[in-house]
Amino acid sequence: MKRQLGGCGSWFGKNAWRLSLLKYLPEKMPIYEYRCAQCAHKFELLVLRTSAVPVCPSCDSQNMEQLLSGFAVNSEGTRQTSIDKARRSYKASGQRRDEQVAAVEYEKKERAEHGGE
């Protein structure tokens, strides 16, 4: 049995109001990276349908190369994964062990100087 998209029981039927909100969203804002072929200056530029030909802000050349840009993914899951990875690498690092040794030595020194208070 096939499920129809527009029926009342489907996701689209129940959430039609959400789809109707899409018309109020602003246009996509494409930001491109460019490198000037003349002076090798790299820059980002917001390019709209009505935008003029890109011009280098350093040398005013129109001889541009559009670069491939990476993108960032940010969500609670990726943030937590990054934090967990950083914690694991910190625990495994020599820096943590050095800090622990320094803290123990400092505590011993303070006890010796102040009579173990």
Protein backbone atom coordinates (compact mmCIF):
# COMPACT_ATOMS: atom_id res chain seq x y z
CA MET A 1 0.00 0.00 0.00
CA LYS A 2 1.46 3.33 -1.03
CA ARG A 3 1.27 6.32 1.24
CA GLN A 4 0.16 9.60 -0.27
CA LEU A 5 2.21 12.70 0.47
CA GLY A 6 -0.58 15.19 0.99
CA GLY A 7 -2.94 13.14 3.14
CA CYS A 8 -3.90 14.23 6.65
CA GLY A 9 -2.03 11.33 8.23
CA SER A 10 1.28 12.04 6.49
CA TRP A 11 4.12 14.25 7.74
CA PHE A 12 3.34 16.79 5.02
CA GLY A 13 -0.32 16.95 6.03
CA LYS A 14 0.44 17.40 9.73
CA ASN A 15 3.26 19.88 9.14
CA ALA A 16 1.91 21.84 6.19
CA TRP A 17 2.10 25.02 8.25
CA ARG A 18 5.88 24.57 8.54
CA LEU A 19 6.21 24.25 4.79
CA SER A 20 4.15 27.40 4.33
CA LEU A 21 6.70 29.33 6.43
CA LEU A 22 9.43 28.66 3.86
CA LYS A 23 8.16 31.54 1.73
CA TYR A 24 9.09 33.95 4.54
CA LEU A 25 12.70 32.82 4.75
CA PRO A 26 15.25 35.20 3.23
CA GLU A 27 17.03 34.28 0.01
CA LYS A 28 20.08 32.09 0.31
CA MET A 29 23.19 34.14 0.92
CA PRO A 30 25.95 32.56 -1.18
CA ILE A 31 29.39 33.53 0.05
CA TYR A 32 32.20 32.53 -2.27
CA GLU A 33 35.95 32.51 -1.80
CA TYR A 34 38.08 34.04 -4.52
CA ARG A 35 41.79 34.40 -5.26
CA CYS A 36 43.01 37.17 -7.48
CA ALA A 37 45.09 35.82 -10.37
CA GLN A 38 47.07 39.05 -10.50
CA CYS A 39 48.10 39.65 -6.87
CA ALA A 40 47.11 36.28 -5.23
CA HIS A 41 44.95 38.07 -2.61
CA LYS A 42 42.30 35.74 -1.11
CA PHE A 43 38.93 37.10 -0.03
CA GLU A 44 35.30 36.17 0.49
CA LEU A 45 32.45 37.83 -1.34
CA LEU A 46 28.69 37.70 -1.00
CA VAL A 47 27.37 37.13 -4.51
CA LEU A 48 23.72 37.82 -5.28
CA ARG A 49 21.91 37.59 -8.60
CA THR A 50 22.17 41.34 -8.95
CA SER A 51 25.86 41.53 -7.99
CA ALA A 52 28.42 42.94 -10.40
CA VAL A 53 31.46 40.97 -11.56
CA PRO A 54 33.78 40.35 -8.58
CA VAL A 55 36.72 42.73 -8.26
CA CYS A 56 39.83 42.23 -6.14
CA PRO A 57 39.78 44.62 -3.16
CA SER A 58 43.59 44.91 -3.27
CA CYS A 59 44.36 45.60 -6.93
CA ASP A 60 40.93 46.10 -8.58
CA SER A 61 41.56 43.25 -11.03
CA GLN A 62 38.63 41.27 -12.40
CA ASN A 63 40.81 38.24 -13.12
CA MET A 64 39.48 36.01 -10.30
CA GLU A 65 39.64 32.34 -9.52
CA GLN A 66 36.73 30.96 -7.52
CA LEU A 67 38.01 28.61 -4.81
CA LEU A 68 36.33 25.54 -3.40
CA SER A 69 35.26 26.28 0.15
CA GLY A 70 34.91 23.87 2.99
CA PHE A 71 31.90 24.12 5.24
CA ALA A 72 31.40 23.69 8.93
CA VAL A 73 28.90 21.35 10.48
CA ASN A 74 27.82 22.33 13.94
CA SER A 75 25.35 20.42 16.03
CA GLU A 76 25.10 19.20 19.58
CA GLY A 77 26.37 15.78 18.51
CA THR A 78 29.44 17.09 16.67
CA ARG A 79 30.19 19.54 19.49
CA GLN A 80 30.04 16.77 22.10
CA THR A 81 32.20 14.50 19.93
CA SER A 82 34.81 17.25 19.62
CA ILE A 83 34.82 17.88 23.37
CA ASP A 84 35.16 14.16 24.13
CA LYS A 85 38.03 13.81 21.67
CA ALA A 86 39.82 16.82 23.17
CA ARG A 87 39.39 15.39 26.69
CA ARG A 88 40.76 11.99 25.64
CA SER A 89 43.78 13.51 23.94
CA TYR A 90 44.44 15.79 26.95
CA LYS A 91 44.27 12.83 29.34
CA ALA A 92 46.74 10.91 27.17
CA SER A 93 49.09 13.85 26.75
CA GLY A 94 52.31 14.39 28.63
CA GLN A 95 51.09 17.87 29.56
CA ARG A 96 48.49 16.47 31.95
CA ARG A 97 51.02 14.20 33.62
CA ASP A 98 53.46 17.12 33.95
CA GLU A 99 50.74 19.27 35.54
CA GLN A 100 49.87 16.52 38.02
CA VAL A 101 53.53 16.04 38.99
CA ALA A 102 53.96 19.81 39.37
CA ALA A 103 50.85 20.01 41.58
CA VAL A 104 52.13 17.21 43.87
CA GLU A 105 55.59 18.82 44.11
CA TYR A 106 54.03 22.22 44.88
CA GLU A 107 51.89 20.67 47.61
CA LYS A 108 54.93 18.93 49.17
CA LYS A 109 56.91 22.19 49.06
CA GLU A 110 54.09 24.14 50.72
CA ARG A 111 53.71 21.53 53.44
CA ALA A 112 57.45 21.60 54.12
CA GLU A 113 57.57 25.41 54.26
CA HIS A 114 54.48 25.83 56.41
CA GLY A 115 54.85 22.85 58.70
CA GLY A 116 52.19 20.61 57.16
CA GLU A 117 49.21 22.84 57.92
